[in-house]
Amino acid sequence: MQLFSELLNNHQGKVLGIAIGLVFGLLVIIIGFLQTVFLACCIYIGYIIGKRVDDNENIRDLVERIFKEN
C-alpha cells in the first residue's frame, strides 16, 4: 500500500497516463477502435460542458457560438 501511495504522490501523471492507456486499450479490444474513439469524443464534450457549468458560463452562449451561421 505504501508503494501505491508513493507512486500516486510522486508520479501522478505517469499513473494517470497508464490508466488512460489501459482503459483505451481494453475498450478497443472489447468494442472496437471507431466506437472507442466516438466514446472518447463524447466524454471530452461532456467534460467541456461540465467545465463550463463549473465556471458558471452560460451553456446557451457556448452552443450558439459553436453553431452560429457565418
N, C-alpha and C. Protein backbone atom coordinates (compact mmCIF):
# COMPACT_ATOMS: atom_id res chain seq x y z
N MET A 1 0.82 -1.19 0.00
CA MET A 1 0.00 0.00 0.00
C MET A 1 0.86 1.26 0.00
N GLN A 2 1.99 1.22 0.69
CA GLN A 2 2.88 2.37 0.74
C GLN A 2 3.47 2.65 -0.64
N LEU A 3 3.77 1.60 -1.40
CA LEU A 3 4.31 1.77 -2.75
C LEU A 3 3.30 2.47 -3.65
N PHE A 4 2.03 2.03 -3.56
CA PHE A 4 0.98 2.64 -4.36
C PHE A 4 0.80 4.11 -4.00
N SER A 5 0.83 4.43 -2.72
CA SER A 5 0.70 5.81 -2.27
C SER A 5 1.87 6.65 -2.76
N GLU A 6 3.07 6.09 -2.70
CA GLU A 6 4.25 6.81 -3.18
C GLU A 6 4.18 7.05 -4.69
N LEU A 7 3.72 6.04 -5.43
CA LEU A 7 3.57 6.21 -6.88
C LEU A 7 2.58 7.32 -7.21
N LEU A 8 1.45 7.33 -6.50
CA LEU A 8 0.45 8.38 -6.77
C LEU A 8 0.97 9.77 -6.42
N ASN A 9 1.73 9.87 -5.35
CA ASN A 9 2.23 11.19 -4.94
C ASN A 9 3.36 11.70 -5.82
N ASN A 10 4.28 10.81 -6.23
CA ASN A 10 5.47 11.24 -6.96
C ASN A 10 5.36 11.12 -8.47
N HIS A 11 4.45 10.29 -8.95
CA HIS A 11 4.35 10.04 -10.39
C HIS A 11 2.89 10.08 -10.85
N GLN A 12 2.16 11.08 -10.42
CA GLN A 12 0.73 11.16 -10.70
C GLN A 12 0.43 11.18 -12.20
N GLY A 13 1.18 11.92 -12.96
CA GLY A 13 0.95 12.00 -14.41
C GLY A 13 1.19 10.68 -15.11
N LYS A 14 2.24 9.99 -14.71
CA LYS A 14 2.54 8.69 -15.32
C LYS A 14 1.47 7.66 -14.99
N VAL A 15 1.04 7.64 -13.73
CA VAL A 15 0.00 6.70 -13.32
C VAL A 15 -1.30 6.99 -14.06
N LEU A 16 -1.65 8.26 -14.19
CA LEU A 16 -2.86 8.63 -14.92
C LEU A 16 -2.74 8.24 -16.40
N GLY A 17 -1.58 8.48 -17.00
CA GLY A 17 -1.37 8.11 -18.39
C GLY A 17 -1.48 6.61 -18.61
N ILE A 18 -0.92 5.83 -17.70
CA ILE A 18 -1.01 4.38 -17.80
C ILE A 18 -2.46 3.93 -17.68
N ALA A 19 -3.19 4.51 -16.73
CA ALA A 19 -4.59 4.15 -16.54
C ALA A 19 -5.43 4.48 -17.77
N ILE A 20 -5.22 5.65 -18.34
CA ILE A 20 -5.96 6.04 -19.55
C ILE A 20 -5.60 5.11 -20.71
N GLY A 21 -4.33 4.80 -20.87
CA GLY A 21 -3.91 3.88 -21.93
C GLY A 21 -4.49 2.50 -21.75
N LEU A 22 -4.54 2.02 -20.52
CA LEU A 22 -5.11 0.70 -20.25
C LEU A 22 -6.59 0.67 -20.58
N VAL A 23 -7.32 1.68 -20.13
CA VAL A 23 -8.76 1.73 -20.41
C VAL A 23 -9.00 1.84 -21.91
N PHE A 24 -8.24 2.68 -22.59
CA PHE A 24 -8.41 2.84 -24.04
C PHE A 24 -8.14 1.52 -24.76
N GLY A 25 -7.05 0.85 -24.38
CA GLY A 25 -6.72 -0.43 -25.00
C GLY A 25 -7.78 -1.48 -24.77
N LEU A 26 -8.29 -1.57 -23.56
CA LEU A 26 -9.35 -2.54 -23.28
C LEU A 26 -10.62 -2.24 -24.06
N LEU A 27 -10.95 -0.96 -24.16
CA LEU A 27 -12.15 -0.59 -24.93
C LEU A 27 -11.98 -0.91 -26.41
N VAL A 28 -10.79 -0.72 -26.96
CA VAL A 28 -10.54 -1.06 -28.36
C VAL A 28 -10.74 -2.55 -28.56
N ILE A 29 -10.22 -3.35 -27.64
CA ILE A 29 -10.37 -4.80 -27.76
C ILE A 29 -11.83 -5.22 -27.62
N ILE A 30 -12.55 -4.60 -26.69
CA ILE A 30 -13.93 -5.03 -26.41
C ILE A 30 -14.92 -4.50 -27.43
N ILE A 31 -14.88 -3.21 -27.76
CA ILE A 31 -15.92 -2.63 -28.62
C ILE A 31 -15.41 -2.16 -29.97
N GLY A 32 -14.12 -2.14 -30.21
CA GLY A 32 -13.58 -1.73 -31.50
C GLY A 32 -13.02 -0.31 -31.45
N PHE A 33 -12.17 -0.01 -32.43
CA PHE A 33 -11.46 1.26 -32.45
C PHE A 33 -12.38 2.46 -32.67
N LEU A 34 -13.22 2.41 -33.71
CA LEU A 34 -14.06 3.57 -34.02
C LEU A 34 -15.06 3.86 -32.91
N GLN A 35 -15.62 2.83 -32.32
CA GLN A 35 -16.55 3.04 -31.22
C GLN A 35 -15.83 3.64 -30.01
N THR A 36 -14.59 3.22 -29.79
CA THR A 36 -13.81 3.78 -28.69
C THR A 36 -13.48 5.24 -28.92
N VAL A 37 -13.14 5.59 -30.15
CA VAL A 37 -12.85 6.99 -30.48
C VAL A 37 -14.12 7.82 -30.31
N PHE A 38 -15.25 7.30 -30.75
CA PHE A 38 -16.52 8.01 -30.58
C PHE A 38 -16.82 8.21 -29.09
N LEU A 39 -16.63 7.19 -28.29
CA LEU A 39 -16.85 7.28 -26.85
C LEU A 39 -15.93 8.32 -26.23
N ALA A 40 -14.66 8.33 -26.64
CA ALA A 40 -13.70 9.31 -26.12
C ALA A 40 -14.13 10.73 -26.49
N CYS A 41 -14.63 10.93 -27.70
CA CYS A 41 -15.12 12.26 -28.12
C CYS A 41 -16.31 12.69 -27.28
N CYS A 42 -17.23 11.76 -27.02
CA CYS A 42 -18.40 12.08 -26.18
C CYS A 42 -17.97 12.45 -24.77
N ILE A 43 -17.01 11.71 -24.23
CA ILE A 43 -16.50 12.01 -22.89
C ILE A 43 -15.86 13.40 -22.87
N TYR A 44 -15.09 13.73 -23.91
CA TYR A 44 -14.43 15.04 -23.98
C TYR A 44 -15.46 16.16 -24.06
N ILE A 45 -16.48 15.99 -24.88
CA ILE A 45 -17.53 17.00 -25.00
C ILE A 45 -18.24 17.18 -23.66
N GLY A 46 -18.51 16.06 -22.99
CA GLY A 46 -19.12 16.13 -21.67
C GLY A 46 -18.25 16.87 -20.67
N TYR A 47 -16.95 16.63 -20.75
CA TYR A 47 -16.00 17.32 -19.86
C TYR A 47 -16.02 18.82 -20.12
N ILE A 48 -16.00 19.21 -21.39
CA ILE A 48 -16.01 20.64 -21.74
C ILE A 48 -17.29 21.30 -21.23
N ILE A 49 -18.43 20.66 -21.43
CA ILE A 49 -19.70 21.23 -20.97
C ILE A 49 -19.70 21.32 -19.45
N GLY A 50 -19.24 20.27 -18.78
CA GLY A 50 -19.18 20.28 -17.32
C GLY A 50 -18.26 21.35 -16.78
N LYS A 51 -17.13 21.57 -17.46
CA LYS A 51 -16.20 22.61 -17.04
C LYS A 51 -16.84 23.98 -17.18
N ARG A 52 -17.58 24.18 -18.26
CA ARG A 52 -18.26 25.47 -18.46
C ARG A 52 -19.30 25.70 -17.37
N VAL A 53 -20.01 24.64 -16.99
CA VAL A 53 -21.01 24.77 -15.92
C VAL A 53 -20.32 25.11 -14.61
N ASP A 54 -19.19 24.43 -14.33
CA ASP A 54 -18.45 24.71 -13.10
C ASP A 54 -17.92 26.14 -13.08
N ASP A 55 -17.57 26.67 -14.24
CA ASP A 55 -17.06 28.03 -14.33
C ASP A 55 -18.18 29.07 -14.43
N ASN A 56 -19.44 28.62 -14.26
CA ASN A 56 -20.63 29.47 -14.30
C ASN A 56 -20.78 30.19 -15.64
N GLU A 57 -20.40 29.54 -16.71
CA GLU A 57 -20.62 30.11 -18.04
C GLU A 57 -21.98 29.67 -18.55
N ASN A 58 -22.57 30.48 -19.40
CA ASN A 58 -23.87 30.18 -19.95
C ASN A 58 -23.73 29.16 -21.07
N ILE A 59 -24.38 28.02 -20.92
CA ILE A 59 -24.30 26.94 -21.92
C ILE A 59 -24.94 27.39 -23.23
N ARG A 60 -26.00 28.16 -23.16
CA ARG A 60 -26.67 28.63 -24.37
C ARG A 60 -25.72 29.46 -25.24
N ASP A 61 -24.93 30.33 -24.61
CA ASP A 61 -23.95 31.13 -25.35
C ASP A 61 -22.91 30.25 -26.02
N LEU A 62 -22.47 29.20 -25.32
CA LEU A 62 -21.50 28.27 -25.88
C LEU A 62 -22.07 27.57 -27.11
N VAL A 63 -23.30 27.07 -27.02
CA VAL A 63 -23.92 26.37 -28.13
C VAL A 63 -24.14 27.32 -29.30
N GLU A 64 -24.57 28.53 -29.03
CA GLU A 64 -24.77 29.50 -30.11
C GLU A 64 -23.45 29.86 -30.78
N ARG A 65 -22.37 29.95 -30.00
CA ARG A 65 -21.06 30.26 -30.57
C ARG A 65 -20.56 29.12 -31.46
N ILE A 66 -20.83 27.88 -31.07
CA ILE A 66 -20.39 26.73 -31.85
C ILE A 66 -21.18 26.62 -33.16
N PHE A 67 -22.50 26.80 -33.07
CA PHE A 67 -23.36 26.54 -34.23
C PHE A 67 -23.85 27.80 -34.92
N LYS A 68 -23.20 28.93 -34.70
CA LYS A 68 -23.66 30.17 -35.35
C LYS A 68 -23.44 30.10 -36.84
N GLU A 69 -24.29 30.80 -37.57
CA GLU A 69 -24.17 30.85 -39.02
C GLU A 69 -23.17 31.93 -39.39
N ASN A 70 -22.37 31.65 -40.40
CA ASN A 70 -21.38 32.62 -40.87
C ASN A 70 -21.93 33.45 -41.98
